[in-house]
Amino acid sequence: MSTTDAVTFWDGVHAARPEAGDPRPNVRLTETAAGLPPGDALDLGCGNGGDALWLARREWRVTAVDISAVAVERLAALARSHGLGERVTTVRHDLGEPFPFSGFDLVCAHYLHTPFDLDRAAVLRAAAHALRAGGRLLVVDHGSTAPWSWDQDPDIHYPSPREVAADIGLDPATWTVERADTPRRTATGPDGRTAEVTDHVLLVRRTG
């Protein structure tokens, strides 16, 4: 499928969701970044912008990227309305294209799943290489299917954090896995429904 198909699909997904005046951040981000000193962050697949706004409020400078123009335009407007426009830069970018970003202390990739062709391992490898020494790559994937997910394939395989790390193939002399686990939580969907879900969490630090 083409990039145009992917843009149309994700624009439709975001347009169908109600706009949130103050979207919530992902819990795996808040528990990971709460104790980190602020710096430069890259939010891959920024979606409704909850993570970018949370980081910006804590004095991070955030580059928020999504393939959907609807998503990035909504986030840009939200950032301005909350007085965070100078801390949040939004970019519409197809992650299947060459990676033009670098110089980050934190890169977040939350639920970077898509029905379209995307070499996720290559994207995450490029993200790791975009880190400064001491920076961290946080990858949070679905480990189960929520009732409101766009993907209800009963045969879907959710790779474990260690499988994701192996696919990325980072040199252990330069990158260290700090976390690889599968915690559960109660999630709330766009329509207000709740369900217990599993996250697959991988945290990698660049050591050199």
N, C-alpha and C. Protein backbone atom coordinates (compact mmCIF):
# COMPACT_ATOMS: atom_id res chain seq x y z
N MET A 1 0.83 -1.19 0.00
CA MET A 1 0.00 0.00 0.00
C MET A 1 0.86 1.24 0.00
N SER A 2 0.37 2.32 -0.55
CA SER A 2 1.17 3.52 -0.75
C SER A 2 1.16 4.41 0.48
N THR A 3 2.10 5.37 0.47
CA THR A 3 2.12 6.38 1.53
C THR A 3 0.81 7.15 1.56
N THR A 4 0.24 7.42 0.38
CA THR A 4 -1.03 8.13 0.32
C THR A 4 -2.11 7.36 1.06
N ASP A 5 -2.14 6.03 0.90
CA ASP A 5 -3.11 5.20 1.61
C ASP A 5 -2.91 5.32 3.12
N ALA A 6 -1.65 5.29 3.56
CA ALA A 6 -1.36 5.37 4.99
C ALA A 6 -1.78 6.73 5.55
N VAL A 7 -1.48 7.80 4.83
CA VAL A 7 -1.88 9.13 5.28
C VAL A 7 -3.39 9.22 5.39
N THR A 8 -4.10 8.73 4.38
CA THR A 8 -5.56 8.77 4.39
C THR A 8 -6.12 7.99 5.57
N PHE A 9 -5.55 6.80 5.81
CA PHE A 9 -6.01 5.95 6.90
C PHE A 9 -5.83 6.65 8.25
N TRP A 10 -4.61 7.14 8.52
CA TRP A 10 -4.33 7.72 9.83
C TRP A 10 -5.00 9.08 10.01
N ASP A 11 -5.14 9.85 8.93
CA ASP A 11 -5.93 11.07 9.04
C ASP A 11 -7.37 10.73 9.44
N GLY A 12 -7.90 9.66 8.86
CA GLY A 12 -9.26 9.25 9.20
C GLY A 12 -9.38 8.78 10.63
N VAL A 13 -8.39 8.03 11.12
CA VAL A 13 -8.40 7.56 12.51
C VAL A 13 -8.43 8.74 13.47
N HIS A 14 -7.55 9.72 13.23
CA HIS A 14 -7.46 10.86 14.15
C HIS A 14 -8.67 11.79 14.02
N ALA A 15 -9.17 11.97 12.80
CA ALA A 15 -10.34 12.83 12.61
C ALA A 15 -11.57 12.26 13.30
N ALA A 16 -11.65 10.93 13.38
CA ALA A 16 -12.81 10.28 13.99
C ALA A 16 -12.78 10.34 15.52
N ARG A 17 -11.60 10.64 16.09
CA ARG A 17 -11.49 10.70 17.54
C ARG A 17 -11.85 12.10 18.03
N PRO A 18 -12.56 12.19 19.13
CA PRO A 18 -12.88 13.53 19.66
C PRO A 18 -11.61 14.25 20.09
N GLU A 19 -11.58 15.55 19.86
CA GLU A 19 -10.42 16.33 20.27
C GLU A 19 -10.39 16.45 21.79
N ALA A 20 -9.22 16.22 22.36
CA ALA A 20 -9.05 16.34 23.80
C ALA A 20 -8.37 17.67 24.11
N GLY A 21 -8.95 18.41 25.05
CA GLY A 21 -8.35 19.69 25.39
C GLY A 21 -7.03 19.56 26.10
N ASP A 22 -6.86 18.45 26.82
CA ASP A 22 -5.62 18.20 27.54
C ASP A 22 -5.39 16.69 27.58
N PRO A 23 -4.92 16.10 26.47
CA PRO A 23 -4.78 14.64 26.40
C PRO A 23 -3.79 14.11 27.43
N ARG A 24 -4.09 12.91 27.92
CA ARG A 24 -3.25 12.29 28.94
C ARG A 24 -1.98 11.70 28.34
N PRO A 25 -0.88 11.76 29.07
CA PRO A 25 0.34 11.09 28.60
C PRO A 25 0.25 9.60 28.85
N ASN A 26 1.07 8.84 28.17
CA ASN A 26 1.16 7.40 28.41
C ASN A 26 1.90 7.14 29.73
N VAL A 27 1.36 6.22 30.51
CA VAL A 27 1.92 5.97 31.84
C VAL A 27 3.35 5.47 31.76
N ARG A 28 3.72 4.73 30.71
CA ARG A 28 5.10 4.22 30.61
C ARG A 28 6.09 5.36 30.37
N LEU A 29 5.62 6.43 29.74
CA LEU A 29 6.47 7.61 29.59
C LEU A 29 6.65 8.30 30.93
N THR A 30 5.56 8.54 31.64
CA THR A 30 5.67 9.30 32.88
C THR A 30 6.52 8.57 33.91
N GLU A 31 6.39 7.24 33.98
CA GLU A 31 7.18 6.52 34.97
C GLU A 31 8.65 6.44 34.58
N THR A 32 8.95 6.57 33.28
CA THR A 32 10.32 6.51 32.81
C THR A 32 11.00 7.87 32.88
N ALA A 33 10.29 8.91 32.47
CA ALA A 33 10.93 10.22 32.30
C ALA A 33 10.79 11.14 33.51
N ALA A 34 9.98 10.76 34.50
CA ALA A 34 9.74 11.66 35.63
C ALA A 34 11.03 12.07 36.33
N GLY A 35 11.99 11.17 36.40
CA GLY A 35 13.22 11.47 37.12
C GLY A 35 14.37 11.91 36.24
N LEU A 36 14.12 12.08 34.94
CA LEU A 36 15.19 12.47 34.03
C LEU A 36 15.30 13.99 33.93
N PRO A 37 16.52 14.52 33.80
CA PRO A 37 16.65 15.96 33.58
C PRO A 37 16.12 16.32 32.21
N PRO A 38 15.46 17.47 32.05
CA PRO A 38 14.91 17.83 30.74
C PRO A 38 16.00 18.09 29.72
N GLY A 39 15.67 17.78 28.48
CA GLY A 39 16.59 17.98 27.37
C GLY A 39 15.80 18.03 26.08
N ASP A 40 16.30 17.36 25.06
CA ASP A 40 15.63 17.31 23.76
C ASP A 40 15.00 15.94 23.57
N ALA A 41 13.71 15.93 23.23
CA ALA A 41 12.98 14.67 23.07
C ALA A 41 12.37 14.59 21.68
N LEU A 42 12.29 13.37 21.17
CA LEU A 42 11.64 13.08 19.89
C LEU A 42 10.51 12.11 20.16
N ASP A 43 9.29 12.51 19.78
CA ASP A 43 8.10 11.69 19.98
C ASP A 43 7.67 11.14 18.62
N LEU A 44 7.90 9.85 18.41
CA LEU A 44 7.58 9.21 17.13
C LEU A 44 6.14 8.71 17.15
N GLY A 45 5.34 9.12 16.15
CA GLY A 45 3.93 8.75 16.14
C GLY A 45 3.22 9.44 17.29
N CYS A 46 3.26 10.77 17.30
CA CYS A 46 2.82 11.54 18.47
C CYS A 46 1.33 11.44 18.75
N GLY A 47 0.52 11.07 17.76
CA GLY A 47 -0.91 10.88 17.99
C GLY A 47 -1.58 12.12 18.54
N ASN A 48 -2.32 11.97 19.64
CA ASN A 48 -3.08 13.11 20.18
C ASN A 48 -2.21 14.10 20.94
N GLY A 49 -0.93 13.78 21.16
CA GLY A 49 0.00 14.74 21.72
C GLY A 49 0.14 14.75 23.23
N GLY A 50 -0.48 13.80 23.92
CA GLY A 50 -0.39 13.78 25.38
C GLY A 50 1.03 13.68 25.89
N ASP A 51 1.86 12.86 25.23
CA ASP A 51 3.24 12.70 25.67
C ASP A 51 4.05 13.97 25.42
N ALA A 52 3.89 14.56 24.24
CA ALA A 52 4.65 15.77 23.91
C ALA A 52 4.31 16.91 24.87
N LEU A 53 3.04 17.08 25.19
CA LEU A 53 2.64 18.15 26.09
C LEU A 53 3.15 17.90 27.51
N TRP A 54 3.10 16.67 27.96
CA TRP A 54 3.60 16.33 29.29
C TRP A 54 5.10 16.64 29.40
N LEU A 55 5.86 16.26 28.39
CA LEU A 55 7.29 16.55 28.40
C LEU A 55 7.55 18.05 28.35
N ALA A 56 6.82 18.75 27.49
CA ALA A 56 7.03 20.20 27.35
C ALA A 56 6.75 20.91 28.67
N ARG A 57 5.76 20.46 29.41
CA ARG A 57 5.45 21.08 30.71
C ARG A 57 6.60 20.89 31.70
N ARG A 58 7.43 19.88 31.46
CA ARG A 58 8.56 19.62 32.33
C ARG A 58 9.87 20.13 31.70
N GLU A 59 9.72 21.10 30.81
CA GLU A 59 10.82 21.88 30.25
C GLU A 59 11.64 21.11 29.21
N TRP A 60 11.11 20.01 28.70
CA TRP A 60 11.73 19.36 27.56
C TRP A 60 11.41 20.16 26.29
N ARG A 61 12.34 20.13 25.35
CA ARG A 61 12.09 20.63 23.99
C ARG A 61 11.72 19.41 23.15
N VAL A 62 10.53 19.42 22.58
CA VAL A 62 9.97 18.22 21.97
C VAL A 62 9.77 18.41 20.47
N THR A 63 10.27 17.45 19.70
CA THR A 63 9.93 17.33 18.28
C THR A 63 8.92 16.20 18.17
N ALA A 64 7.70 16.52 17.77
CA ALA A 64 6.61 15.54 17.72
C ALA A 64 6.30 15.22 16.26
N VAL A 65 6.38 13.95 15.92
CA VAL A 65 6.31 13.51 14.52
C VAL A 65 5.14 12.56 14.33
N ASP A 66 4.40 12.74 13.25
CA ASP A 66 3.33 11.80 12.91
C ASP A 66 3.11 11.86 11.40
N ILE A 67 2.64 10.75 10.83
CA ILE A 67 2.32 10.72 9.41
C ILE A 67 1.02 11.48 9.12
N SER A 68 0.21 11.67 10.15
CA SER A 68 -1.10 12.29 9.98
C SER A 68 -1.02 13.81 10.16
N ALA A 69 -1.43 14.54 9.13
CA ALA A 69 -1.51 16.00 9.23
C ALA A 69 -2.55 16.41 10.27
N VAL A 70 -3.62 15.64 10.38
CA VAL A 70 -4.65 15.94 11.39
C VAL A 70 -4.03 15.91 12.78
N ALA A 71 -3.22 14.88 13.06
CA ALA A 71 -2.61 14.74 14.38
C ALA A 71 -1.67 15.89 14.68
N VAL A 72 -0.77 16.21 13.75
CA VAL A 72 0.23 17.24 14.05
C VAL A 72 -0.41 18.63 14.11
N GLU A 73 -1.42 18.88 13.28
CA GLU A 73 -2.09 20.19 13.33
C GLU A 73 -2.85 20.37 14.64
N ARG A 74 -3.52 19.31 15.09
CA ARG A 74 -4.21 19.39 16.38
C ARG A 74 -3.21 19.63 17.51
N LEU A 75 -2.09 18.91 17.48
CA LEU A 75 -1.11 19.07 18.55
C LEU A 75 -0.50 20.46 18.54
N ALA A 76 -0.19 20.98 17.37
CA ALA A 76 0.38 22.33 17.29
C ALA A 76 -0.57 23.35 17.91
N ALA A 77 -1.86 23.21 17.61
CA ALA A 77 -2.86 24.12 18.16
C ALA A 77 -2.97 23.95 19.68
N LEU A 78 -2.93 22.71 20.15
CA LEU A 78 -3.00 22.46 21.58
C LEU A 78 -1.79 23.06 22.30
N ALA A 79 -0.61 22.86 21.73
CA ALA A 79 0.60 23.39 22.36
C ALA A 79 0.52 24.91 22.49
N ARG A 80 0.05 25.56 21.43
CA ARG A 80 -0.09 27.02 21.51
C ARG A 80 -1.11 27.42 22.57
N SER A 81 -2.23 26.69 22.63
CA SER A 81 -3.29 27.06 23.58
C SER A 81 -2.86 26.88 25.02
N HIS A 82 -1.89 25.98 25.26
CA HIS A 82 -1.38 25.74 26.62
C HIS A 82 -0.11 26.53 26.90
N GLY A 83 0.26 27.43 25.98
CA GLY A 83 1.45 28.23 26.19
C GLY A 83 2.74 27.46 26.02
N LEU A 84 2.69 26.37 25.26
CA LEU A 84 3.86 25.49 25.07
C LEU A 84 4.36 25.48 23.64
N GLY A 85 3.88 26.43 22.84
CA GLY A 85 4.23 26.44 21.42
C GLY A 85 5.71 26.53 21.16
N GLU A 86 6.46 27.20 22.05
CA GLU A 86 7.90 27.33 21.84
C GLU A 86 8.66 26.06 22.21
N ARG A 87 8.01 25.16 22.93
CA ARG A 87 8.69 23.93 23.36
C ARG A 87 8.30 22.71 22.52
N VAL A 88 7.26 22.83 21.72
CA VAL A 88 6.80 21.71 20.91
C VAL A 88 6.87 22.07 19.43
N THR A 89 7.66 21.31 18.69
CA THR A 89 7.74 21.45 17.23
C THR A 89 7.07 20.24 16.61
N THR A 90 6.06 20.46 15.78
CA THR A 90 5.36 19.35 15.14
C THR A 90 5.83 19.19 13.70
N VAL A 91 5.98 17.94 13.29
CA VAL A 91 6.47 17.63 11.95
C VAL A 91 5.63 16.50 11.37
N ARG A 92 5.02 16.71 10.20
CA ARG A 92 4.38 15.59 9.50
C ARG A 92 5.44 14.87 8.71
N HIS A 93 5.68 13.60 9.07
CA HIS A 93 6.76 12.84 8.44
C HIS A 93 6.37 11.37 8.37
N ASP A 94 6.63 10.76 7.24
CA ASP A 94 6.43 9.32 7.05
C ASP A 94 7.69 8.62 7.54
N LEU A 95 7.59 7.83 8.58
CA LEU A 95 8.76 7.16 9.15
C LEU A 95 9.35 6.12 8.22
N GLY A 96 8.65 5.79 7.15
CA GLY A 96 9.24 4.91 6.13
C GLY A 96 10.26 5.62 5.26
N GLU A 97 10.29 6.95 5.35
CA GLU A 97 11.26 7.74 4.59
C GLU A 97 12.53 7.95 5.42
N PRO A 98 13.64 8.41 4.79
CA PRO A 98 14.88 8.63 5.53
C PRO A 98 14.67 9.48 6.78
N PHE A 99 15.43 9.17 7.80
CA PHE A 99 15.25 9.73 9.13
C PHE A 99 16.05 11.03 9.25
N PRO A 100 15.39 12.21 9.31
CA PRO A 100 16.12 13.48 9.28
C PRO A 100 16.41 14.08 10.66
N PHE A 101 16.25 13.29 11.73
CA PHE A 101 16.33 13.84 13.07
C PHE A 101 17.56 13.32 13.81
N SER A 102 18.13 14.14 14.71
CA SER A 102 19.27 13.70 15.51
C SER A 102 19.45 14.64 16.69
N GLY A 103 20.30 14.21 17.64
CA GLY A 103 20.67 15.04 18.77
C GLY A 103 19.66 15.05 19.90
N PHE A 104 19.16 13.86 20.31
CA PHE A 104 18.12 13.79 21.33
C PHE A 104 18.62 13.09 22.59
N ASP A 105 18.00 13.48 23.70
CA ASP A 105 18.26 12.84 24.98
C ASP A 105 17.23 11.76 25.29
N LEU A 106 16.10 11.83 24.61
CA LEU A 106 15.04 10.84 24.79
C LEU A 106 14.28 10.71 23.48
N VAL A 107 14.09 9.47 23.05
CA VAL A 107 13.22 9.19 21.91
C VAL A 107 12.14 8.23 22.39
N CYS A 108 10.88 8.59 22.14
CA CYS A 108 9.74 7.77 22.56
C CYS A 108 9.02 7.22 21.34
N ALA A 109 8.71 5.96 21.37
CA ALA A 109 7.91 5.33 20.32
C ALA A 109 6.84 4.50 21.02
N HIS A 110 5.66 5.09 21.18
CA HIS A 110 4.56 4.41 21.86
C HIS A 110 3.58 3.85 20.84
N TYR A 111 3.41 2.53 20.88
CA TYR A 111 2.39 1.84 20.09
C TYR A 111 2.53 2.18 18.60
N LEU A 112 3.74 2.01 18.11
CA LEU A 112 4.05 2.32 16.71
C LEU A 112 3.68 1.13 15.84
N HIS A 113 2.39 0.83 15.82
CA HIS A 113 1.84 -0.28 15.03
C HIS A 113 1.05 0.31 13.86
N THR A 114 1.09 -0.35 12.73
CA THR A 114 0.39 0.14 11.55
C THR A 114 0.00 -1.03 10.65
N PRO A 115 -1.12 -0.93 9.94
CA PRO A 115 -1.48 -1.98 8.98
C PRO A 115 -0.72 -1.86 7.67
N PHE A 116 0.12 -0.85 7.56
CA PHE A 116 0.86 -0.60 6.32
C PHE A 116 2.31 -1.05 6.47
N ASP A 117 2.97 -1.23 5.33
CA ASP A 117 4.35 -1.68 5.35
C ASP A 117 5.23 -0.64 6.04
N LEU A 118 5.95 -1.07 7.06
CA LEU A 118 6.89 -0.20 7.76
C LEU A 118 7.96 -1.08 8.38
N ASP A 119 9.21 -0.78 8.07
CA ASP A 119 10.33 -1.51 8.65
C ASP A 119 10.59 -0.93 10.03
N ARG A 120 9.85 -1.43 11.00
CA ARG A 120 9.95 -0.88 12.36
C ARG A 120 11.35 -0.99 12.92
N ALA A 121 12.00 -2.11 12.67
CA ALA A 121 13.36 -2.29 13.20
C ALA A 121 14.29 -1.21 12.67
N ALA A 122 14.15 -0.87 11.39
CA ALA A 122 14.99 0.17 10.80
C ALA A 122 14.66 1.53 11.41
N VAL A 123 13.37 1.80 11.63
CA VAL A 123 12.97 3.08 12.23
C VAL A 123 13.53 3.19 13.64
N LEU A 124 13.41 2.13 14.44
CA LEU A 124 13.88 2.18 15.82
C LEU A 124 15.40 2.21 15.88
N ARG A 125 16.07 1.56 14.94
CA ARG A 125 17.53 1.62 14.88
C ARG A 125 17.98 3.04 14.58
N ALA A 126 17.30 3.68 13.62
CA ALA A 126 17.63 5.08 13.32
C ALA A 126 17.36 5.97 14.52
N ALA A 127 16.28 5.68 15.24
CA ALA A 127 15.96 6.46 16.44
C ALA A 127 17.05 6.32 17.48
N ALA A 128 17.56 5.11 17.67
CA ALA A 128 18.65 4.90 18.63
C ALA A 128 19.89 5.67 18.23
N HIS A 129 20.17 5.70 16.94
CA HIS A 129 21.34 6.44 16.45
C HIS A 129 21.14 7.95 16.53
N ALA A 130 19.89 8.40 16.70
CA ALA A 130 19.61 9.83 16.84
C ALA A 130 19.84 10.32 18.27
N LEU A 131 20.18 9.41 19.19
CA LEU A 131 20.41 9.77 20.58
C LEU A 131 21.81 10.31 20.80
N ARG A 132 21.92 11.24 21.72
CA ARG A 132 23.22 11.64 22.23
C ARG A 132 23.71 10.55 23.21
N ALA A 133 24.98 10.57 23.53
CA ALA A 133 25.50 9.67 24.55
C ALA A 133 24.75 9.91 25.85
N GLY A 134 24.30 8.84 26.47
CA GLY A 134 23.52 8.93 27.70
C GLY A 134 22.02 9.02 27.46
N GLY A 135 21.61 9.20 26.20
CA GLY A 135 20.19 9.30 25.88
C GLY A 135 19.50 7.95 25.88
N ARG A 136 18.17 7.99 25.92
CA ARG A 136 17.39 6.76 26.04
C ARG A 136 16.35 6.65 24.93
N LEU A 137 16.17 5.43 24.47
CA LEU A 137 15.10 5.08 23.54
C LEU A 137 14.07 4.27 24.30
N LEU A 138 12.83 4.79 24.35
CA LEU A 138 11.72 4.10 25.02
C LEU A 138 10.75 3.59 23.96
N VAL A 139 10.62 2.27 23.88
CA VAL A 139 9.70 1.65 22.94
C VAL A 139 8.61 0.95 23.75
N VAL A 140 7.38 1.36 23.56
CA VAL A 140 6.25 0.72 24.25
C VAL A 140 5.30 0.19 23.19
N ASP A 141 5.10 -1.11 23.20
CA ASP A 141 4.24 -1.77 22.22
C ASP A 141 3.04 -2.40 22.91
N HIS A 142 2.02 -2.66 22.13
CA HIS A 142 0.90 -3.45 22.63
C HIS A 142 1.37 -4.89 22.86
N GLY A 143 0.93 -5.46 23.98
CA GLY A 143 1.15 -6.87 24.22
C GLY A 143 -0.16 -7.64 24.23
N SER A 144 -1.26 -6.91 24.03
CA SER A 144 -2.59 -7.51 23.95
C SER A 144 -3.46 -6.58 23.13
N THR A 145 -4.64 -7.07 22.76
CA THR A 145 -5.55 -6.29 21.92
C THR A 145 -6.66 -5.69 22.76
N ALA A 146 -6.73 -4.36 22.78
CA ALA A 146 -7.81 -3.68 23.49
C ALA A 146 -9.10 -3.76 22.68
N PRO A 147 -10.25 -3.73 23.34
CA PRO A 147 -11.53 -3.85 22.61
C PRO A 147 -11.73 -2.75 21.56
N TRP A 148 -11.12 -1.59 21.75
CA TRP A 148 -11.32 -0.46 20.83
C TRP A 148 -10.22 -0.36 19.77
N SER A 149 -9.28 -1.32 19.75
CA SER A 149 -8.18 -1.26 18.78
C SER A 149 -8.69 -1.37 17.35
N TRP A 150 -8.02 -0.66 16.43
CA TRP A 150 -8.37 -0.80 15.01
C TRP A 150 -7.96 -2.16 14.47
N ASP A 151 -7.08 -2.88 15.16
CA ASP A 151 -6.61 -4.19 14.70
C ASP A 151 -7.14 -5.27 15.63
N GLN A 152 -8.14 -6.01 15.16
CA GLN A 152 -8.75 -7.06 15.96
C GLN A 152 -8.39 -8.45 15.44
N ASP A 153 -7.25 -8.57 14.76
CA ASP A 153 -6.80 -9.85 14.23
C ASP A 153 -6.52 -10.81 15.40
N PRO A 154 -7.26 -11.93 15.51
CA PRO A 154 -7.06 -12.84 16.64
C PRO A 154 -5.73 -13.59 16.57
N ASP A 155 -5.10 -13.59 15.40
CA ASP A 155 -3.84 -14.33 15.23
C ASP A 155 -2.62 -13.42 15.29
N ILE A 156 -2.80 -12.16 15.68
CA ILE A 156 -1.68 -11.24 15.69
C ILE A 156 -0.64 -11.67 16.73
N HIS A 157 0.63 -11.50 16.37
CA HIS A 157 1.73 -11.79 17.30
C HIS A 157 2.34 -10.49 17.75
N TYR A 158 2.39 -10.29 19.06
CA TYR A 158 3.03 -9.10 19.61
C TYR A 158 4.44 -9.48 20.06
N PRO A 159 5.47 -9.03 19.35
CA PRO A 159 6.84 -9.39 19.74
C PRO A 159 7.16 -8.94 21.16
N SER A 160 7.90 -9.78 21.88
CA SER A 160 8.31 -9.41 23.24
C SER A 160 9.35 -8.30 23.19
N PRO A 161 9.59 -7.61 24.29
CA PRO A 161 10.62 -6.57 24.30
C PRO A 161 11.99 -7.11 23.88
N ARG A 162 12.33 -8.29 24.30
CA ARG A 162 13.63 -8.87 23.91
C ARG A 162 13.67 -9.17 22.41
N GLU A 163 12.55 -9.60 21.85
CA GLU A 163 12.49 -9.80 20.40
C GLU A 163 12.67 -8.48 19.66
N VAL A 164 12.04 -7.42 20.17
CA VAL A 164 12.19 -6.11 19.55
C VAL A 164 13.65 -5.66 19.62
N ALA A 165 14.28 -5.85 20.78
CA ALA A 165 15.69 -5.48 20.92
C ALA A 165 16.57 -6.26 19.95
N ALA A 166 16.28 -7.55 19.79
CA ALA A 166 17.06 -8.37 18.86
C ALA A 166 16.87 -7.91 17.43
N ASP A 167 15.64 -7.53 17.07
CA ASP A 167 15.38 -7.05 15.71
C ASP A 167 16.11 -5.74 15.43
N ILE A 168 16.16 -4.86 16.43
CA ILE A 168 16.87 -3.59 16.23
C ILE A 168 18.36 -3.85 16.02
N GLY A 169 18.91 -4.80 16.78
CA GLY A 169 20.29 -5.23 16.55
C GLY A 169 21.34 -4.19 16.93
N LEU A 170 21.17 -3.54 18.07
CA LEU A 170 22.13 -2.53 18.49
C LEU A 170 23.36 -3.17 19.12
N ASP A 171 24.50 -2.56 18.93
CA ASP A 171 25.77 -3.06 19.46
C ASP A 171 25.77 -2.90 20.98
N PRO A 172 25.89 -3.99 21.74
CA PRO A 172 25.88 -3.88 23.21
C PRO A 172 27.07 -3.10 23.76
N ALA A 173 28.07 -2.87 22.94
CA ALA A 173 29.19 -2.03 23.39
C ALA A 173 28.80 -0.56 23.45
N THR A 174 27.71 -0.20 22.77
CA THR A 174 27.29 1.21 22.70
C THR A 174 25.91 1.45 23.29
N TRP A 175 25.06 0.42 23.32
CA TRP A 175 23.71 0.56 23.84
C TRP A 175 23.45 -0.51 24.91
N THR A 176 22.79 -0.13 25.97
CA THR A 176 22.49 -1.03 27.08
C THR A 176 20.98 -1.10 27.28
N VAL A 177 20.45 -2.32 27.37
CA VAL A 177 19.03 -2.50 27.69
C VAL A 177 18.84 -2.29 29.18
N GLU A 178 18.08 -1.26 29.54
CA GLU A 178 17.82 -0.96 30.95
C GLU A 178 16.51 -1.57 31.45
N ARG A 179 15.60 -1.83 30.52
CA ARG A 179 14.32 -2.41 30.91
C ARG A 179 13.75 -3.20 29.75
N ALA A 180 13.21 -4.37 30.05
CA ALA A 180 12.53 -5.19 29.05
C ALA A 180 11.51 -6.04 29.80
N ASP A 181 10.27 -5.57 29.89
CA ASP A 181 9.27 -6.30 30.66
C ASP A 181 7.88 -6.11 30.06
N THR A 182 6.89 -6.76 30.69
CA THR A 182 5.53 -6.79 30.12
C THR A 182 4.50 -6.48 31.20
N PRO A 183 4.46 -5.25 31.71
CA PRO A 183 3.51 -4.90 32.76
C PRO A 183 2.08 -4.81 32.23
N ARG A 184 1.14 -4.96 33.15
CA ARG A 184 -0.28 -4.82 32.82
C ARG A 184 -0.82 -3.54 33.45
N ARG A 185 -1.90 -3.03 32.88
CA ARG A 185 -2.52 -1.82 33.40
C ARG A 185 -3.98 -1.79 32.95
N THR A 186 -4.76 -0.92 33.57
CA THR A 186 -6.12 -0.66 33.13
C THR A 186 -6.09 0.53 32.20
N ALA A 187 -6.56 0.34 30.98
CA ALA A 187 -6.53 1.39 29.96
C ALA A 187 -7.95 1.89 29.70
N THR A 188 -8.03 3.14 29.24
CA THR A 188 -9.30 3.74 28.87
C THR A 188 -9.26 4.08 27.39
N GLY A 189 -10.24 3.61 26.63
CA GLY A 189 -10.29 3.85 25.20
C GLY A 189 -10.89 5.19 24.86
N PRO A 190 -10.88 5.55 23.57
CA PRO A 190 -11.41 6.83 23.12
C PRO A 190 -12.88 7.04 23.47
N ASP A 191 -13.63 5.92 23.61
CA ASP A 191 -15.06 6.03 23.90
C ASP A 191 -15.36 5.91 25.39
N GLY A 192 -14.30 5.88 26.22
CA GLY A 192 -14.49 5.82 27.66
C GLY A 192 -14.51 4.43 28.25
N ARG A 193 -14.51 3.40 27.41
CA ARG A 193 -14.46 2.03 27.93
C ARG A 193 -13.11 1.75 28.57
N THR A 194 -13.09 0.85 29.55
CA THR A 194 -11.85 0.44 30.18
C THR A 194 -11.62 -1.05 29.98
N ALA A 195 -10.34 -1.44 30.00
CA ALA A 195 -9.98 -2.84 29.86
C ALA A 195 -8.56 -3.03 30.40
N GLU A 196 -8.27 -4.21 30.87
CA GLU A 196 -6.90 -4.53 31.29
C GLU A 196 -6.10 -4.93 30.05
N VAL A 197 -4.94 -4.31 29.89
CA VAL A 197 -4.10 -4.56 28.72
C VAL A 197 -2.67 -4.82 29.18
N THR A 198 -1.89 -5.39 28.28
CA THR A 198 -0.48 -5.66 28.53
C THR A 198 0.36 -4.74 27.66
N ASP A 199 1.38 -4.14 28.24
CA ASP A 199 2.36 -3.36 27.49
C ASP A 199 3.65 -4.15 27.38
N HIS A 200 4.33 -3.99 26.26
CA HIS A 200 5.68 -4.51 26.09
C HIS A 200 6.62 -3.32 26.10
N VAL A 201 7.47 -3.25 27.12
CA VAL A 201 8.29 -2.06 27.36
C VAL A 201 9.76 -2.39 27.17
N LEU A 202 10.40 -1.60 26.31
CA LEU A 202 11.84 -1.72 26.09
C LEU A 202 12.47 -0.34 26.29
N LEU A 203 13.46 -0.26 27.16
CA LEU A 203 14.19 0.98 27.40
C LEU A 203 15.68 0.73 27.16
N VAL A 204 16.24 1.46 26.21
CA VAL A 204 17.64 1.29 25.83
C VAL A 204 18.37 2.60 26.03
N ARG A 205 19.56 2.54 26.63
CA ARG A 205 20.37 3.74 26.84
C ARG A 205 21.63 3.68 25.98
N ARG A 206 21.93 4.80 25.34
CA ARG A 206 23.16 4.90 24.57
C ARG A 206 24.30 5.26 25.51
N THR A 207 25.30 4.41 25.57
CA THR A 207 26.38 4.59 26.53
C THR A 207 27.62 5.24 25.93
N GLY A 208 27.66 5.33 24.61
CA GLY A 208 28.85 5.91 23.99
C GLY A 208 28.57 6.42 22.60
